Amino acid sequence: MSLTLRTDLGRTEAVIDAQGGLHRFYQIADLLTDSFQVAFTDKEDDFDAINWNFSLGKYRLTLQYSIYNGIMLFPTREQQAKRQENKAVEELASVLEGKLIGLDLEGKGK
């Protein structure tokens, strides 16, 4: 797993796990719920993508799973995202990366 930040669409997209599947998506959703008390609001589940919106402080963000792009985090407002929302994505993705590495190491030790 390697965190990648992309800004080519006018917003910051954090690719949390480019190869991640549904299990990893739900693992990340659980981390957000347990560690950050996130409540997912708008949940859109399609056959090739899942988009779950949530608020983190005053920022509206989206956790996405796509069979094409893996698992990503980005501002819900997409192209109208403010600088602070993009910064929140970067910071949250970095914290999630550390927590996921810890979970992966725990799993290998068992």
PDB file of N, CA and C in Angstrom:
ATOM      1  N   MET A   1       0.835  -1.168   0.000  1.00  0.00           N
ATOM      2  CA  MET A   1       0.000   0.000   0.000  1.00  0.00           C
ATOM      3  C   MET A   1       0.883   1.234   0.000  1.00  0.00           C
ATOM      4  N   SER A   2       0.526   2.169  -0.855  1.00  0.00           N
ATOM      5  CA  SER A   2       1.290   3.406  -0.939  1.00  0.00           C
ATOM      6  C   SER A   2       0.333   4.549  -1.241  1.00  0.00           C
ATOM      7  N   LEU A   3       0.349   5.556  -0.404  1.00  0.00           N
ATOM      8  CA  LEU A   3      -0.527   6.708  -0.561  1.00  0.00           C
ATOM      9  C   LEU A   3      -0.049   7.555  -1.728  1.00  0.00           C
ATOM     10  N   THR A   4      -0.977   7.899  -2.617  1.00  0.00           N
ATOM     11  CA  THR A   4      -0.688   8.757  -3.757  1.00  0.00           C
ATOM     12  C   THR A   4      -1.667   9.918  -3.743  1.00  0.00           C
ATOM     13  N   LEU A   5      -1.167  11.133  -3.901  1.00  0.00           N
ATOM     14  CA  LEU A   5      -2.027  12.313  -3.987  1.00  0.00           C
ATOM     15  C   LEU A   5      -2.057  12.789  -5.425  1.00  0.00           C
ATOM     16  N   ARG A   6      -3.276  13.043  -5.923  1.00  0.00           N
ATOM     17  CA  ARG A   6      -3.449  13.568  -7.282  1.00  0.00           C
ATOM     18  C   ARG A   6      -4.244  14.862  -7.201  1.00  0.00           C
ATOM     19  N   THR A   7      -3.877  15.822  -8.034  1.00  0.00           N
ATOM     20  CA  THR A   7      -4.577  17.102  -8.037  1.00  0.00           C
ATOM     21  C   THR A   7      -4.997  17.511  -9.443  1.00  0.00           C
ATOM     22  N   ASP A   8      -4.921  16.625 -10.400  1.00  0.00           N
ATOM     23  CA  ASP A   8      -5.171  16.983 -11.789  1.00  0.00           C
ATOM     24  C   ASP A   8      -6.637  17.269 -12.124  1.00  0.00           C
ATOM     25  N   LEU A   9      -7.574  17.009 -11.232  1.00  0.00           N
ATOM     26  CA  LEU A   9      -8.983  17.278 -11.505  1.00  0.00           C
ATOM     27  C   LEU A   9      -9.494  18.517 -10.765  1.00  0.00           C
ATOM     28  N   GLY A  10      -8.589  19.333 -10.242  1.00  0.00           N
ATOM     29  CA  GLY A  10      -8.988  20.540  -9.538  1.00  0.00           C
ATOM     30  C   GLY A  10      -9.310  20.319  -8.077  1.00  0.00           C
ATOM     31  N   ARG A  11      -9.049  19.150  -7.586  1.00  0.00           N
ATOM     32  CA  ARG A  11      -9.233  18.812  -6.172  1.00  0.00           C
ATOM     33  C   ARG A  11      -8.121  17.852  -5.802  1.00  0.00           C
ATOM     34  N   THR A  12      -7.934  17.648  -4.521  1.00  0.00           N
ATOM     35  CA  THR A  12      -6.953  16.656  -4.083  1.00  0.00           C
ATOM     36  C   THR A  12      -7.657  15.324  -3.918  1.00  0.00           C
ATOM     37  N   GLU A  13      -7.144  14.335  -4.615  1.00  0.00           N
ATOM     38  CA  GLU A  13      -7.617  12.964  -4.448  1.00  0.00           C
ATOM     39  C   GLU A  13      -6.493  12.174  -3.808  1.00  0.00           C
ATOM     40  N   ALA A  14      -6.818  11.499  -2.725  1.00  0.00           N
ATOM     41  CA  ALA A  14      -5.841  10.636  -2.078  1.00  0.00           C
ATOM     42  C   ALA A  14      -6.173   9.203  -2.455  1.00  0.00           C
ATOM     43  N   VAL A  15      -5.298   8.581  -3.211  1.00  0.00           N
ATOM     44  CA  VAL A  15      -5.457   7.166  -3.546  1.00  0.00           C
ATOM     45  C   VAL A  15      -4.853   6.405  -2.375  1.00  0.00           C
ATOM     46  N   ILE A  16      -5.732   5.888  -1.527  1.00  0.00           N
ATOM     47  CA  ILE A  16      -5.288   5.232  -0.302  1.00  0.00           C
ATOM     48  C   ILE A  16      -4.756   3.837  -0.598  1.00  0.00           C
ATOM     49  N   ASP A  17      -5.413   3.124  -1.504  1.00  0.00           N
ATOM     50  CA  ASP A  17      -4.988   1.778  -1.859  1.00  0.00           C
ATOM     51  C   ASP A  17      -5.461   1.484  -3.276  1.00  0.00           C
ATOM     52  N   ALA A  18      -4.558   1.611  -4.248  1.00  0.00           N
ATOM     53  CA  ALA A  18      -4.921   1.437  -5.661  1.00  0.00           C
ATOM     54  C   ALA A  18      -5.355   0.015  -5.984  1.00  0.00           C
ATOM     55  N   GLN A  19      -4.909  -0.946  -5.192  1.00  0.00           N
ATOM     56  CA  GLN A  19      -5.255  -2.347  -5.428  1.00  0.00           C
ATOM     57  C   GLN A  19      -6.310  -2.856  -4.447  1.00  0.00           C
ATOM     58  N   GLY A  20      -6.791  -1.961  -3.603  1.00  0.00           N
ATOM     59  CA  GLY A  20      -7.712  -2.365  -2.544  1.00  0.00           C
ATOM     60  C   GLY A  20      -9.059  -2.846  -3.065  1.00  0.00           C
ATOM     61  N   GLY A  21      -9.599  -3.826  -2.389  1.00  0.00           N
ATOM     62  CA  GLY A  21     -10.903  -4.376  -2.726  1.00  0.00           C
ATOM     63  C   GLY A  21     -11.943  -3.970  -1.703  1.00  0.00           C
ATOM     64  N   LEU A  22     -13.077  -4.650  -1.766  1.00  0.00           N
ATOM     65  CA  LEU A  22     -14.180  -4.337  -0.862  1.00  0.00           C
ATOM     66  C   LEU A  22     -13.816  -4.531   0.605  1.00  0.00           C
ATOM     67  N   HIS A  23     -13.077  -5.586   0.905  1.00  0.00           N
ATOM     68  CA  HIS A  23     -12.674  -5.829   2.292  1.00  0.00           C
ATOM     69  C   HIS A  23     -11.888  -4.629   2.831  1.00  0.00           C
ATOM     70  N   ARG A  24     -10.959  -4.125   2.037  1.00  0.00           N
ATOM     71  CA  ARG A  24     -10.133  -2.989   2.450  1.00  0.00           C
ATOM     72  C   ARG A  24     -10.994  -1.723   2.589  1.00  0.00           C
ATOM     73  N   PHE A  25     -11.950  -1.536   1.673  1.00  0.00           N
ATOM     74  CA  PHE A  25     -12.853  -0.383   1.752  1.00  0.00           C
ATOM     75  C   PHE A  25     -13.595  -0.390   3.087  1.00  0.00           C
ATOM     76  N   TYR A  26     -14.162  -1.533   3.448  1.00  0.00           N
ATOM     77  CA  TYR A  26     -14.908  -1.617   4.707  1.00  0.00           C
ATOM     78  C   TYR A  26     -13.976  -1.473   5.920  1.00  0.00           C
ATOM     79  N   GLN A  27     -12.748  -1.932   5.790  1.00  0.00           N
ATOM     80  CA  GLN A  27     -11.766  -1.766   6.854  1.00  0.00           C
ATOM     81  C   GLN A  27     -11.481  -0.270   7.080  1.00  0.00           C
ATOM     82  N   ILE A  28     -11.341   0.475   6.006  1.00  0.00           N
ATOM     83  CA  ILE A  28     -11.104   1.917   6.099  1.00  0.00           C
ATOM     84  C   ILE A  28     -12.332   2.630   6.649  1.00  0.00           C
ATOM     85  N   ALA A  29     -13.503   2.223   6.191  1.00  0.00           N
ATOM     86  CA  ALA A  29     -14.746   2.815   6.713  1.00  0.00           C
ATOM     87  C   ALA A  29     -14.859   2.581   8.215  1.00  0.00           C
ATOM     88  N   ASP A  30     -14.500   1.393   8.665  1.00  0.00           N
ATOM     89  CA  ASP A  30     -14.518   1.088  10.099  1.00  0.00           C
ATOM     90  C   ASP A  30     -13.521   1.960  10.865  1.00  0.00           C
ATOM     91  N   LEU A  31     -12.336   2.165  10.298  1.00  0.00           N
ATOM     92  CA  LEU A  31     -11.342   3.040  10.931  1.00  0.00           C
ATOM     93  C   LEU A  31     -11.883   4.461  11.075  1.00  0.00           C
ATOM     94  N   LEU A  32     -12.522   4.949  10.033  1.00  0.00           N
ATOM     95  CA  LEU A  32     -13.092   6.292  10.092  1.00  0.00           C
ATOM     96  C   LEU A  32     -14.169   6.384  11.162  1.00  0.00           C
ATOM     97  N   THR A  33     -14.996   5.365  11.245  1.00  0.00           N
ATOM     98  CA  THR A  33     -16.073   5.355  12.228  1.00  0.00           C
ATOM     99  C   THR A  33     -15.523   5.250  13.648  1.00  0.00           C
ATOM    100  N   ASP A  34     -14.600   4.327  13.863  1.00  0.00           N
ATOM    101  CA  ASP A  34     -14.073   4.077  15.207  1.00  0.00           C
ATOM    102  C   ASP A  34     -13.100   5.155  15.688  1.00  0.00           C
ATOM    103  N   SER A  35     -12.212   5.599  14.817  1.00  0.00           N
ATOM    104  CA  SER A  35     -11.158   6.532  15.229  1.00  0.00           C
ATOM    105  C   SER A  35     -11.562   7.998  15.154  1.00  0.00           C
ATOM    106  N   PHE A  36     -12.496   8.314  14.252  1.00  0.00           N
ATOM    107  CA  PHE A  36     -12.855   9.714  14.029  1.00  0.00           C
ATOM    108  C   PHE A  36     -14.341   9.990  14.257  1.00  0.00           C
ATOM    109  N   GLN A  37     -15.070   9.005  14.737  1.00  0.00           N
ATOM    110  CA  GLN A  37     -16.505   9.118  15.006  1.00  0.00           C
ATOM    111  C   GLN A  37     -17.262   9.656  13.786  1.00  0.00           C
ATOM    112  N   VAL A  38     -16.856   9.204  12.614  1.00  0.00           N
ATOM    113  CA  VAL A  38     -17.496   9.604  11.364  1.00  0.00           C
ATOM    114  C   VAL A  38     -18.814   8.856  11.218  1.00  0.00           C
ATOM    115  N   ALA A  39     -19.817   9.571  10.749  1.00  0.00           N
ATOM    116  CA  ALA A  39     -21.096   8.955  10.399  1.00  0.00           C
ATOM    117  C   ALA A  39     -21.288   9.156   8.899  1.00  0.00           C
ATOM    118  N   PHE A  40     -21.366   8.062   8.180  1.00  0.00           N
ATOM    119  CA  PHE A  40     -21.563   8.162   6.742  1.00  0.00           C
ATOM    120  C   PHE A  40     -23.010   8.551   6.468  1.00  0.00           C
ATOM    121  N   THR A  41     -23.176   9.523   5.596  1.00  0.00           N
ATOM    122  CA  THR A  41     -24.511  10.041   5.320  1.00  0.00           C
ATOM    123  C   THR A  41     -25.034   9.502   3.997  1.00  0.00           C
ATOM    124  N   ASP A  42     -24.628  10.087   2.932  1.00  0.00           N
ATOM    125  CA  ASP A  42     -25.087   9.655   1.612  1.00  0.00           C
ATOM    126  C   ASP A  42     -24.252   8.471   1.156  1.00  0.00           C
ATOM    127  N   LYS A  43     -24.907   7.337   0.977  1.00  0.00           N
ATOM    128  CA  LYS A  43     -24.213   6.131   0.522  1.00  0.00           C
ATOM    129  C   LYS A  43     -24.756   5.750  -0.849  1.00  0.00           C
ATOM    130  N   GLU A  44     -23.858   5.721  -1.815  1.00  0.00           N
ATOM    131  CA  GLU A  44     -24.217   5.359  -3.174  1.00  0.00           C
ATOM    132  C   GLU A  44     -23.421   4.113  -3.557  1.00  0.00           C
ATOM    133  N   ASP A  45     -24.126   3.020  -3.750  1.00  0.00           N
ATOM    134  CA  ASP A  45     -23.473   1.754  -4.091  1.00  0.00           C
ATOM    135  C   ASP A  45     -23.898   1.341  -5.499  1.00  0.00           C
ATOM    136  N   ASP A  46     -22.950   1.334  -6.420  1.00  0.00           N
ATOM    137  CA  ASP A  46     -23.186   0.865  -7.785  1.00  0.00           C
ATOM    138  C   ASP A  46     -22.424  -0.430  -7.982  1.00  0.00           C
ATOM    139  N   PHE A  47     -22.581  -1.031  -9.145  1.00  0.00           N
ATOM    140  CA  PHE A  47     -21.912  -2.308  -9.391  1.00  0.00           C
ATOM    141  C   PHE A  47     -20.405  -2.162  -9.521  1.00  0.00           C
ATOM    142  N   ASP A  48     -19.919  -0.991  -9.922  1.00  0.00           N
ATOM    143  CA  ASP A  48     -18.479  -0.827 -10.102  1.00  0.00           C
ATOM    144  C   ASP A  48     -17.858   0.236  -9.195  1.00  0.00           C
ATOM    145  N   ALA A  49     -18.681   0.879  -8.353  1.00  0.00           N
ATOM    146  CA  ALA A  49     -18.149   1.913  -7.457  1.00  0.00           C
ATOM    147  C   ALA A  49     -19.068   2.106  -6.252  1.00  0.00           C
ATOM    148  N   ILE A  50     -18.448   2.488  -5.149  1.00  0.00           N
ATOM    149  CA  ILE A  50     -19.169   2.832  -3.919  1.00  0.00           C
ATOM    150  C   ILE A  50     -18.679   4.214  -3.500  1.00  0.00           C
ATOM    151  N   ASN A  51     -19.592   5.120  -3.234  1.00  0.00           N
ATOM    152  CA  ASN A  51     -19.274   6.462  -2.747  1.00  0.00           C
ATOM    153  C   ASN A  51     -20.020   6.692  -1.448  1.00  0.00           C
ATOM    154  N   TRP A  52     -19.275   6.921  -0.374  1.00  0.00           N
ATOM    155  CA  TRP A  52     -19.872   7.208   0.920  1.00  0.00           C
ATOM    156  C   TRP A  52     -19.393   8.578   1.371  1.00  0.00           C
ATOM    157  N   ASN A  53     -20.335   9.487   1.580  1.00  0.00           N
ATOM    158  CA  ASN A  53     -20.013  10.839   2.029  1.00  0.00           C
ATOM    159  C   ASN A  53     -20.055  10.919   3.547  1.00  0.00           C
ATOM    160  N   PHE A  54     -19.228  11.808   4.088  1.00  0.00           N
ATOM    161  CA  PHE A  54     -19.204  12.018   5.534  1.00  0.00           C
ATOM    162  C   PHE A  54     -18.650  13.401   5.830  1.00  0.00           C
ATOM    163  N   SER A  55     -18.883  13.838   7.037  1.00  0.00           N
ATOM    164  CA  SER A  55     -18.335  15.117   7.493  1.00  0.00           C
ATOM    165  C   SER A  55     -17.213  14.846   8.481  1.00  0.00           C
ATOM    166  N   LEU A  56     -16.155  15.606   8.333  1.00  0.00           N
ATOM    167  CA  LEU A  56     -15.052  15.575   9.281  1.00  0.00           C
ATOM    168  C   LEU A  56     -14.834  17.018   9.701  1.00  0.00           C
ATOM    169  N   GLY A  57     -15.317  17.343  10.895  1.00  0.00           N
ATOM    170  CA  GLY A  57     -15.339  18.744  11.294  1.00  0.00           C
ATOM    171  C   GLY A  57     -16.289  19.490  10.375  1.00  0.00           C
ATOM    172  N   LYS A  58     -15.794  20.557   9.771  1.00  0.00           N
ATOM    173  CA  LYS A  58     -16.644  21.335   8.867  1.00  0.00           C
ATOM    174  C   LYS A  58     -16.468  20.939   7.402  1.00  0.00           C
ATOM    175  N   TYR A  59     -15.723  19.882   7.144  1.00  0.00           N
ATOM    176  CA  TYR A  59     -15.437  19.475   5.768  1.00  0.00           C
ATOM    177  C   TYR A  59     -16.285  18.284   5.352  1.00  0.00           C
ATOM    178  N   ARG A  60     -16.779  18.322   4.121  1.00  0.00           N
ATOM    179  CA  ARG A  60     -17.542  17.209   3.551  1.00  0.00           C
ATOM    180  C   ARG A  60     -16.603  16.431   2.627  1.00  0.00           C
ATOM    181  N   LEU A  61     -16.409  15.154   2.949  1.00  0.00           N
ATOM    182  CA  LEU A  61     -15.487  14.313   2.192  1.00  0.00           C
ATOM    183  C   LEU A  61     -16.198  13.063   1.692  1.00  0.00           C
ATOM    184  N   THR A  62     -15.574  12.407   0.728  1.00  0.00           N
ATOM    185  CA  THR A  62     -16.118  11.183   0.152  1.00  0.00           C
ATOM    186  C   THR A  62     -15.060  10.089   0.187  1.00  0.00           C
ATOM    187  N   LEU A  63     -15.464   8.919   0.662  1.00  0.00           N
ATOM    188  CA  LEU A  63     -14.647   7.718   0.576  1.00  0.00           C
ATOM    189  C   LEU A  63     -15.200   6.926  -0.583  1.00  0.00           C
ATOM    190  N   GLN A  64     -14.345   6.570  -1.524  1.00  0.00           N
ATOM    191  CA  GLN A  64     -14.803   5.874  -2.727  1.00  0.00           C
ATOM    192  C   GLN A  64     -14.032   4.579  -2.941  1.00  0.00           C
ATOM    193  N   TYR A  65     -14.767   3.547  -3.348  1.00  0.00           N
ATOM    194  CA  TYR A  65     -14.157   2.318  -3.855  1.00  0.00           C
ATOM    195  C   TYR A  65     -14.557   2.202  -5.315  1.00  0.00           C
ATOM    196  N   SER A  66     -13.602   1.949  -6.158  1.00  0.00           N
ATOM    197  CA  SER A  66     -13.851   1.757  -7.584  1.00  0.00           C
ATOM    198  C   SER A  66     -13.063   0.534  -8.049  1.00  0.00           C
ATOM    199  N   ILE A  67     -13.703  -0.305  -8.829  1.00  0.00           N
ATOM    200  CA  ILE A  67     -12.983  -1.474  -9.336  1.00  0.00           C
ATOM    201  C   ILE A  67     -11.850  -1.060 -10.268  1.00  0.00           C
ATOM    202  N   TYR A  68     -11.903   0.169 -10.764  1.00  0.00           N
ATOM    203  CA  TYR A  68     -10.886   0.663 -11.691  1.00  0.00           C
ATOM    204  C   TYR A  68      -9.749   1.402 -10.992  1.00  0.00           C
ATOM    205  N   ASN A  69     -10.058   2.132  -9.922  1.00  0.00           N
ATOM    206  CA  ASN A  69      -9.065   3.009  -9.287  1.00  0.00           C
ATOM    207  C   ASN A  69      -8.708   2.648  -7.863  1.00  0.00           C
ATOM    208  N   GLY A  70      -9.360   1.662  -7.284  1.00  0.00           N
ATOM    209  CA  GLY A  70      -9.079   1.297  -5.905  1.00  0.00           C
ATOM    210  C   GLY A  70      -9.864   2.156  -4.931  1.00  0.00           C
ATOM    211  N   ILE A  71      -9.242   2.503  -3.809  1.00  0.00           N
ATOM    212  CA  ILE A  71      -9.916   3.242  -2.745  1.00  0.00           C
ATOM    213  C   ILE A  71      -9.333   4.647  -2.668  1.00  0.00           C
ATOM    214  N   MET A  72     -10.234   5.626  -2.745  1.00  0.00           N
ATOM    215  CA  MET A  72      -9.810   7.021  -2.773  1.00  0.00           C
ATOM    216  C   MET A  72     -10.607   7.850  -1.767  1.00  0.00           C
ATOM    217  N   LEU A  73     -10.020   8.950  -1.403  1.00  0.00           N
ATOM    218  CA  LEU A  73     -10.644   9.925  -0.505  1.00  0.00           C
ATOM    219  C   LEU A  73     -10.517  11.280  -1.186  1.00  0.00           C
ATOM    220  N   PHE A  74     -11.619  12.051  -1.216  1.00  0.00           N
ATOM    221  CA  PHE A  74     -11.581  13.364  -1.853  1.00  0.00           C
ATOM    222  C   PHE A  74     -12.704  14.248  -1.316  1.00  0.00           C
ATOM    223  N   PRO A  75     -12.593  15.578  -1.540  1.00  0.00           N
ATOM    224  CA  PRO A  75     -13.668  16.476  -1.117  1.00  0.00           C
ATOM    225  C   PRO A  75     -14.946  16.168  -1.905  1.00  0.00           C
ATOM    226  N   THR A  76     -16.057  16.164  -1.232  1.00  0.00           N
ATOM    227  CA  THR A  76     -17.324  15.860  -1.891  1.00  0.00           C
ATOM    228  C   THR A  76     -17.647  16.900  -2.958  1.00  0.00           C
ATOM    229  N   ARG A  77     -17.250  18.140  -2.736  1.00  0.00           N
ATOM    230  CA  ARG A  77     -17.580  19.209  -3.685  1.00  0.00           C
ATOM    231  C   ARG A  77     -16.742  19.177  -4.953  1.00  0.00           C
ATOM    232  N   GLU A  78     -15.862  18.251  -5.076  1.00  0.00           N
ATOM    233  CA  GLU A  78     -15.018  18.034  -6.248  1.00  0.00           C
ATOM    234  C   GLU A  78     -14.344  19.302  -6.748  1.00  0.00           C
ATOM    235  N   GLN A  79     -14.691  19.814  -7.942  1.00  0.00           N
ATOM    236  CA  GLN A  79     -13.980  20.946  -8.524  1.00  0.00           C
ATOM    237  C   GLN A  79     -14.142  22.236  -7.728  1.00  0.00           C
ATOM    238  N   GLN A  80     -15.182  22.359  -6.922  1.00  0.00           N
ATOM    239  CA  GLN A  80     -15.377  23.559  -6.119  1.00  0.00           C
ATOM    240  C   GLN A  80     -14.724  23.436  -4.738  1.00  0.00           C
ATOM    241  N   ALA A  81     -13.906  22.445  -4.561  1.00  0.00           N
ATOM    242  CA  ALA A  81     -13.272  22.212  -3.259  1.00  0.00           C
ATOM    243  C   ALA A  81     -12.387  23.389  -2.880  1.00  0.00           C
ATOM    244  N   LYS A  82     -12.481  23.756  -1.619  1.00  0.00           N
ATOM    245  CA  LYS A  82     -11.643  24.831  -1.102  1.00  0.00           C
ATOM    246  C   LYS A  82     -10.293  24.259  -0.677  1.00  0.00           C
ATOM    247  N   ARG A  83      -9.327  25.140  -0.570  1.00  0.00           N
ATOM    248  CA  ARG A  83      -7.969  24.736  -0.195  1.00  0.00           C
ATOM    249  C   ARG A  83      -7.964  23.954   1.118  1.00  0.00           C
ATOM    250  N   GLN A  84      -8.772  24.392   2.088  1.00  0.00           N
ATOM    251  CA  GLN A  84      -8.810  23.730   3.386  1.00  0.00           C
ATOM    252  C   GLN A  84      -9.368  22.312   3.277  1.00  0.00           C
ATOM    253  N   GLU A  85     -10.332  22.105   2.390  1.00  0.00           N
ATOM    254  CA  GLU A  85     -10.888  20.756   2.190  1.00  0.00           C
ATOM    255  C   GLU A  85      -9.836  19.837   1.583  1.00  0.00           C
ATOM    256  N   ASN A  86      -9.091  20.359   0.627  1.00  0.00           N
ATOM    257  CA  ASN A  86      -8.020  19.566   0.029  1.00  0.00           C
ATOM    258  C   ASN A  86      -6.950  19.220   1.062  1.00  0.00           C
ATOM    259  N   LYS A  87      -6.645  20.173   1.928  1.00  0.00           N
ATOM    260  CA  LYS A  87      -5.662  19.939   2.990  1.00  0.00           C
ATOM    261  C   LYS A  87      -6.178  18.882   3.969  1.00  0.00           C
ATOM    262  N   ALA A  88      -7.480  18.925   4.279  1.00  0.00           N
ATOM    263  CA  ALA A  88      -8.078  17.925   5.175  1.00  0.00           C
ATOM    264  C   ALA A  88      -7.953  16.527   4.575  1.00  0.00           C
ATOM    265  N   VAL A  89      -8.124  16.414   3.264  1.00  0.00           N
ATOM    266  CA  VAL A  89      -7.965  15.121   2.591  1.00  0.00           C
ATOM    267  C   VAL A  89      -6.538  14.609   2.767  1.00  0.00           C
ATOM    268  N   GLU A  90      -5.568  15.474   2.533  1.00  0.00           N
ATOM    269  CA  GLU A  90      -4.165  15.082   2.664  1.00  0.00           C
ATOM    270  C   GLU A  90      -3.845  14.606   4.079  1.00  0.00           C
ATOM    271  N   GLU A  91      -4.296  15.371   5.063  1.00  0.00           N
ATOM    272  CA  GLU A  91      -3.989  15.031   6.451  1.00  0.00           C
ATOM    273  C   GLU A  91      -4.686  13.747   6.887  1.00  0.00           C
ATOM    274  N   LEU A  92      -5.954  13.598   6.549  1.00  0.00           N
ATOM    275  CA  LEU A  92      -6.687  12.387   6.923  1.00  0.00           C
ATOM    276  C   LEU A  92      -6.100  11.165   6.235  1.00  0.00           C
ATOM    277  N   ALA A  93      -5.768  11.289   4.960  1.00  0.00           N
ATOM    278  CA  ALA A  93      -5.198  10.163   4.227  1.00  0.00           C
ATOM    279  C   ALA A  93      -3.872   9.723   4.838  1.00  0.00           C
ATOM    280  N   SER A  94      -3.084  10.669   5.271  1.00  0.00           N
ATOM    281  CA  SER A  94      -1.805  10.350   5.903  1.00  0.00           C
ATOM    282  C   SER A  94      -2.013   9.584   7.211  1.00  0.00           C
ATOM    283  N   VAL A  95      -2.974  10.028   8.015  1.00  0.00           N
ATOM    284  CA  VAL A  95      -3.269   9.341   9.278  1.00  0.00           C
ATOM    285  C   VAL A  95      -3.810   7.937   8.989  1.00  0.00           C
ATOM    286  N   LEU A  96      -4.694   7.826   8.007  1.00  0.00           N
ATOM    287  CA  LEU A  96      -5.246   6.510   7.648  1.00  0.00           C
ATOM    288  C   LEU A  96      -4.154   5.560   7.179  1.00  0.00           C
ATOM    289  N   GLU A  97      -3.219   6.081   6.401  1.00  0.00           N
ATOM    290  CA  GLU A  97      -2.121   5.248   5.913  1.00  0.00           C
ATOM    291  C   GLU A  97      -1.353   4.639   7.085  1.00  0.00           C
ATOM    292  N   GLY A  98      -1.053   5.450   8.083  1.00  0.00           N
ATOM    293  CA  GLY A  98      -0.340   4.947   9.258  1.00  0.00           C
ATOM    294  C   GLY A  98      -1.138   3.892  10.001  1.00  0.00           C
ATOM    295  N   LYS A  99      -2.433   4.128  10.167  1.00  0.00           N
ATOM    296  CA  LYS A  99      -3.285   3.162  10.868  1.00  0.00           C
ATOM    297  C   LYS A  99      -3.402   1.858  10.078  1.00  0.00           C
ATOM    298  N   LEU A 100      -3.487   1.948   8.757  1.00  0.00           N
ATOM    299  CA  LEU A 100      -3.593   0.744   7.930  1.00  0.00           C
ATOM    300  C   LEU A 100      -2.298  -0.063   7.953  1.00  0.00           C
ATOM    301  N   ILE A 101      -1.179   0.615   7.948  1.00  0.00           N
ATOM    302  CA  ILE A 101       0.109  -0.084   8.049  1.00  0.00           C
ATOM    303  C   ILE A 101       0.173  -0.828   9.376  1.00  0.00           C
ATOM    304  N   GLY A 102      -0.269  -0.174  10.454  1.00  0.00           N
ATOM    305  CA  GLY A 102      -0.301  -0.829  11.763  1.00  0.00           C
ATOM    306  C   GLY A 102      -1.197  -2.055  11.761  1.00  0.00           C
ATOM    307  N   LEU A 103      -2.373  -1.949  11.144  1.00  0.00           N
ATOM    308  CA  LEU A 103      -3.282  -3.098  11.056  1.00  0.00           C
ATOM    309  C   LEU A 103      -2.661  -4.232  10.250  1.00  0.00           C
ATOM    310  N   ASP A 104      -2.006  -3.872   9.148  1.00  0.00           N
ATOM    311  CA  ASP A 104      -1.374  -4.896   8.309  1.00  0.00           C
ATOM    312  C   ASP A 104      -0.259  -5.619   9.062  1.00  0.00           C
ATOM    313  N   LEU A 105       0.519  -4.861   9.833  1.00  0.00           N
ATOM    314  CA  LEU A 105       1.595  -5.486  10.608  1.00  0.00           C
ATOM    315  C   LEU A 105       1.048  -6.385  11.699  1.00  0.00           C
ATOM    316  N   GLU A 106      -0.051  -5.959  12.344  1.00  0.00           N
ATOM    317  CA  GLU A 106      -0.699  -6.794  13.351  1.00  0.00           C
ATOM    318  C   GLU A 106      -1.179  -8.102  12.744  1.00  0.00           C
ATOM    319  N   GLY A 107      -1.752  -8.007  11.543  1.00  0.00           N
ATOM    320  CA  GLY A 107      -2.272  -9.193  10.862  1.00  0.00           C
ATOM    321  C   GLY A 107      -1.184 -10.172  10.489  1.00  0.00           C
ATOM    322  N   LYS A 108      -0.008  -9.675  10.135  1.00  0.00           N
ATOM    323  CA  LYS A 108       1.104 -10.561   9.767  1.00  0.00           C
ATOM    324  C   LYS A 108       1.710 -11.232  10.983  1.00  0.00           C
ATOM    325  N   GLY A 109       1.548 -10.595  12.136  1.00  0.00           N
ATOM    326  CA  GLY A 109       2.101 -11.171  13.364  1.00  0.00           C
ATOM    327  C   GLY A 109       1.262 -12.294  13.929  1.00  0.00           C
ATOM    328  N   LYS A 110       0.058 -12.448  13.433  1.00  0.00           N
ATOM    329  CA  LYS A 110      -0.841 -13.492  13.973  1.00  0.00           C
ATOM    330  C   LYS A 110      -0.667 -14.804  13.256  1.00  0.00           C
TER     331      LYS A 110
END
